[in-house]
């Protein structure tokens, strides 16, 4: 299955609330769970992924550490405006292991997805990969 959230297929992280030069937000969409984006503390933290084209989605999977609550919003605009609520989920804390969470999206379409980490299990969170199924 082709993952439209991969940078190799034209996806971009167009906004991140924080950035560490050693762990940039682009790592979220490189397809590798060994690389990651790390927040710089405080909540909420957010990032926006822009797809190469409007994309129909049935499932988002996030691989991360220390994320407690996540909200996902979508936009169909070209300039990442007019976001609408899509889903919200509380993640289980898994000490010392990567959290892998599936979030169903019911076939929604979007040009952009905004991921808002509203709380974490620590002051810092890391997002290793986001993948999308159509």
C-alpha atoms as a PDB file:
ATOM      1  CA  UNK A   1       0.000   0.000   0.000  1.00  0.00           C
ATOM      2  CA  UNK A   2       1.288   3.466  -0.913  1.00  0.00           C
ATOM      3  CA  UNK A   3       1.626   5.852   2.043  1.00  0.00           C
ATOM      4  CA  UNK A   4       0.849   9.445   0.895  1.00  0.00           C
ATOM      5  CA  UNK A   5       2.380  10.862   4.083  1.00  0.00           C
ATOM      6  CA  UNK A   6       5.936   9.969   2.998  1.00  0.00           C
ATOM      7  CA  UNK A   7       8.236  12.804   2.009  1.00  0.00           C
ATOM      8  CA  UNK A   8       9.465  10.655  -0.890  1.00  0.00           C
ATOM      9  CA  UNK A   9       5.918  10.896  -2.323  1.00  0.00           C
ATOM     10  CA  UNK A  10       5.703  14.674  -1.999  1.00  0.00           C
ATOM     11  CA  UNK A  11       4.392  15.186   1.549  1.00  0.00           C
ATOM     12  CA  UNK A  12       5.841  18.048   3.613  1.00  0.00           C
ATOM     13  CA  UNK A  13       5.734  19.158   7.234  1.00  0.00           C
ATOM     14  CA  UNK A  14       4.660  22.766   6.715  1.00  0.00           C
ATOM     15  CA  UNK A  15       4.493  23.772  10.389  1.00  0.00           C
ATOM     16  CA  UNK A  16       5.827  22.499  13.689  1.00  0.00           C
ATOM     17  CA  UNK A  17       5.296  24.243  17.021  1.00  0.00           C
ATOM     18  CA  UNK A  18       8.869  23.480  18.048  1.00  0.00           C
ATOM     19  CA  UNK A  19      12.042  22.235  16.447  1.00  0.00           C
ATOM     20  CA  UNK A  20      15.362  20.781  17.522  1.00  0.00           C
ATOM     21  CA  UNK A  21      18.007  20.819  14.788  1.00  0.00           C
ATOM     22  CA  UNK A  22      19.076  17.290  15.789  1.00  0.00           C
ATOM     23  CA  UNK A  23      15.475  16.011  15.545  1.00  0.00           C
ATOM     24  CA  UNK A  24      13.665  18.091  12.887  1.00  0.00           C
ATOM     25  CA  UNK A  25       9.948  17.677  12.094  1.00  0.00           C
ATOM     26  CA  UNK A  26      10.756  16.276   8.633  1.00  0.00           C
ATOM     27  CA  UNK A  27      11.770  13.043  10.400  1.00  0.00           C
ATOM     28  CA  UNK A  28       8.058  12.343  11.010  1.00  0.00           C
ATOM     29  CA  UNK A  29       7.491  11.618   7.315  1.00  0.00           C
ATOM     30  CA  UNK A  30      10.761   9.937   6.292  1.00  0.00           C
ATOM     31  CA  UNK A  31       9.296   6.427   6.827  1.00  0.00           C
ATOM     32  CA  UNK A  32      11.887   5.496   9.460  1.00  0.00           C
ATOM     33  CA  UNK A  33      10.912   4.892  13.104  1.00  0.00           C
ATOM     34  CA  UNK A  34      14.589   5.271  14.122  1.00  0.00           C
ATOM     35  CA  UNK A  35      14.464   9.021  13.351  1.00  0.00           C
ATOM     36  CA  UNK A  36      12.051  11.397  15.100  1.00  0.00           C
ATOM     37  CA  UNK A  37      10.830  14.909  15.848  1.00  0.00           C
ATOM     38  CA  UNK A  38      11.117  15.968  19.470  1.00  0.00           C
ATOM     39  CA  UNK A  39       9.068  18.676  21.128  1.00  0.00           C
ATOM     40  CA  UNK A  40      10.819  21.322  23.179  1.00  0.00           C
ATOM     41  CA  UNK A  41       8.434  21.076  26.133  1.00  0.00           C
ATOM     42  CA  UNK A  42       5.085  22.582  27.126  1.00  0.00           C
ATOM     43  CA  UNK A  43       1.729  21.715  25.593  1.00  0.00           C
ATOM     44  CA  UNK A  44       0.005  21.861  23.212  1.00  0.00           C
ATOM     45  CA  UNK A  45       2.529  20.893  20.541  1.00  0.00           C
ATOM     46  CA  UNK A  46       1.462  20.571  16.925  1.00  0.00           C
ATOM     47  CA  UNK A  47       2.622  19.841  13.413  1.00  0.00           C
ATOM     48  CA  UNK A  48       0.910  20.000  10.025  1.00  0.00           C
ATOM     49  CA  UNK A  49       1.525  17.595   7.148  1.00  0.00           C
ATOM     50  CA  UNK A  50       0.681  18.720   3.610  1.00  0.00           C
ATOM     51  CA  UNK A  51       0.042  15.973   1.060  1.00  0.00           C
ATOM     52  CA  UNK A  52       1.108  16.193  -2.574  1.00  0.00           C
ATOM     53  CA  UNK A  53      -2.597  16.136  -3.518  1.00  0.00           C
ATOM     54  CA  UNK A  54      -5.986  15.746  -1.868  1.00  0.00           C
ATOM     55  CA  UNK A  55      -5.886  12.373  -0.132  1.00  0.00           C
ATOM     56  CA  UNK A  56      -8.673  10.060   1.027  1.00  0.00           C
ATOM     57  CA  UNK A  57      -7.797   8.445   4.370  1.00  0.00           C
ATOM     58  CA  UNK A  58      -9.272   5.612   6.373  1.00  0.00           C
ATOM     59  CA  UNK A  59      -6.544   5.207   9.010  1.00  0.00           C
ATOM     60  CA  UNK A  60      -3.629   7.130  10.501  1.00  0.00           C
ATOM     61  CA  UNK A  61      -0.947   5.320  12.486  1.00  0.00           C
ATOM     62  CA  UNK A  62       1.374   7.238  14.802  1.00  0.00           C
ATOM     63  CA  UNK A  63       4.585   5.867  16.297  1.00  0.00           C
ATOM     64  CA  UNK A  64       5.683   8.008  19.255  1.00  0.00           C
ATOM     65  CA  UNK A  65       6.938   8.268  22.851  1.00  0.00           C
ATOM     66  CA  UNK A  66       5.175   9.933  25.805  1.00  0.00           C
ATOM     67  CA  UNK A  67       2.115  11.215  23.892  1.00  0.00           C
ATOM     68  CA  UNK A  68      -0.978  11.125  26.122  1.00  0.00           C
ATOM     69  CA  UNK A  69      -3.688  12.951  24.157  1.00  0.00           C
ATOM     70  CA  UNK A  70      -3.785  13.635  20.430  1.00  0.00           C
ATOM     71  CA  UNK A  71      -6.270  15.618  18.375  1.00  0.00           C
ATOM     72  CA  UNK A  72      -6.320  15.421  14.553  1.00  0.00           C
ATOM     73  CA  UNK A  73      -7.846  18.086  12.319  1.00  0.00           C
ATOM     74  CA  UNK A  74      -8.075  18.274   8.526  1.00  0.00           C
ATOM     75  CA  UNK A  75      -8.080  21.009   5.921  1.00  0.00           C
ATOM     76  CA  UNK A  76      -9.037  20.910   2.244  1.00  0.00           C
ATOM     77  CA  UNK A  77      -7.569  24.371   1.546  1.00  0.00           C
ATOM     78  CA  UNK A  78      -4.351  24.959  -0.368  1.00  0.00           C
ATOM     79  CA  UNK A  79      -2.920  27.177   2.374  1.00  0.00           C
ATOM     80  CA  UNK A  80      -3.554  25.104   5.550  1.00  0.00           C
ATOM     81  CA  UNK A  81      -6.533  27.091   6.863  1.00  0.00           C
ATOM     82  CA  UNK A  82     -10.105  26.259   7.917  1.00  0.00           C
ATOM     83  CA  UNK A  83      -9.290  23.117   9.891  1.00  0.00           C
ATOM     84  CA  UNK A  84     -12.071  20.783  11.025  1.00  0.00           C
ATOM     85  CA  UNK A  85     -12.015  18.227  13.829  1.00  0.00           C
ATOM     86  CA  UNK A  86     -11.492  14.633  12.656  1.00  0.00           C
ATOM     87  CA  UNK A  87     -10.479  12.511  15.650  1.00  0.00           C
ATOM     88  CA  UNK A  88      -9.154  12.515  19.180  1.00  0.00           C
ATOM     89  CA  UNK A  89      -7.473   9.725  21.108  1.00  0.00           C
ATOM     90  CA  UNK A  90      -5.847   9.071  24.465  1.00  0.00           C
ATOM     91  CA  UNK A  91      -2.747   6.902  24.122  1.00  0.00           C
ATOM     92  CA  UNK A  92      -1.707   4.246  26.609  1.00  0.00           C
ATOM     93  CA  UNK A  93       1.641   4.897  28.301  1.00  0.00           C
ATOM     94  CA  UNK A  94       4.173   2.189  27.465  1.00  0.00           C
ATOM     95  CA  UNK A  95       7.347   2.623  29.524  1.00  0.00           C
ATOM     96  CA  UNK A  96      10.492   2.189  27.439  1.00  0.00           C
ATOM     97  CA  UNK A  97       8.692   1.173  24.227  1.00  0.00           C
ATOM     98  CA  UNK A  98       7.466   2.993  21.169  1.00  0.00           C
ATOM     99  CA  UNK A  99       3.736   3.729  21.286  1.00  0.00           C
ATOM    100  CA  UNK A 100       1.951   2.595  18.120  1.00  0.00           C
ATOM    101  CA  UNK A 101      -1.592   3.896  17.786  1.00  0.00           C
ATOM    102  CA  UNK A 102      -4.130   3.504  14.997  1.00  0.00           C
ATOM    103  CA  UNK A 103      -6.676   6.298  14.583  1.00  0.00           C
ATOM    104  CA  UNK A 104      -9.600   5.541  12.220  1.00  0.00           C
ATOM    105  CA  UNK A 105     -10.585   8.438   9.924  1.00  0.00           C
ATOM    106  CA  UNK A 106     -13.652   6.988   8.166  1.00  0.00           C
ATOM    107  CA  UNK A 107     -12.602   7.794   4.592  1.00  0.00           C
ATOM    108  CA  UNK A 108     -12.166  11.534   5.093  1.00  0.00           C
ATOM    109  CA  UNK A 109     -10.263  13.553   2.475  1.00  0.00           C
ATOM    110  CA  UNK A 110      -7.723  16.296   3.138  1.00  0.00           C
ATOM    111  CA  UNK A 111      -4.861  18.289   1.682  1.00  0.00           C
ATOM    112  CA  UNK A 112      -3.451  18.889   5.189  1.00  0.00           C
ATOM    113  CA  UNK A 113      -3.634  17.101   8.542  1.00  0.00           C
ATOM    114  CA  UNK A 114      -2.910  18.957  11.783  1.00  0.00           C
ATOM    115  CA  UNK A 115      -1.746  16.813  14.714  1.00  0.00           C
ATOM    116  CA  UNK A 116      -2.126  18.491  18.105  1.00  0.00           C
ATOM    117  CA  UNK A 117      -0.514  16.821  21.104  1.00  0.00           C
ATOM    118  CA  UNK A 118      -2.594  18.299  23.914  1.00  0.00           C
ATOM    119  CA  UNK A 119      -0.787  16.474  26.732  1.00  0.00           C
ATOM    120  CA  UNK A 120       2.029  14.033  27.347  1.00  0.00           C
ATOM    121  CA  UNK A 121       3.304  11.606  29.954  1.00  0.00           C
ATOM    122  CA  UNK A 122       6.478  13.712  30.258  1.00  0.00           C
ATOM    123  CA  UNK A 123       7.542  17.279  29.458  1.00  0.00           C
ATOM    124  CA  UNK A 124       8.860  16.147  26.076  1.00  0.00           C
ATOM    125  CA  UNK A 125       7.307  13.911  23.412  1.00  0.00           C
ATOM    126  CA  UNK A 126       8.770  12.428  20.258  1.00  0.00           C
ATOM    127  CA  UNK A 127       6.960  11.470  17.081  1.00  0.00           C
ATOM    128  CA  UNK A 128       8.851   8.872  15.057  1.00  0.00           C
ATOM    129  CA  UNK A 129       6.486   8.238  12.182  1.00  0.00           C
ATOM    130  CA  UNK A 130       3.029   9.065  10.891  1.00  0.00           C
ATOM    131  CA  UNK A 131       1.571   6.829   8.194  1.00  0.00           C
ATOM    132  CA  UNK A 132      -1.702   7.089   6.310  1.00  0.00           C
ATOM    133  CA  UNK A 133      -3.848   4.408   4.672  1.00  0.00           C
ATOM    134  CA  UNK A 134      -6.430   5.259   2.046  1.00  0.00           C
END
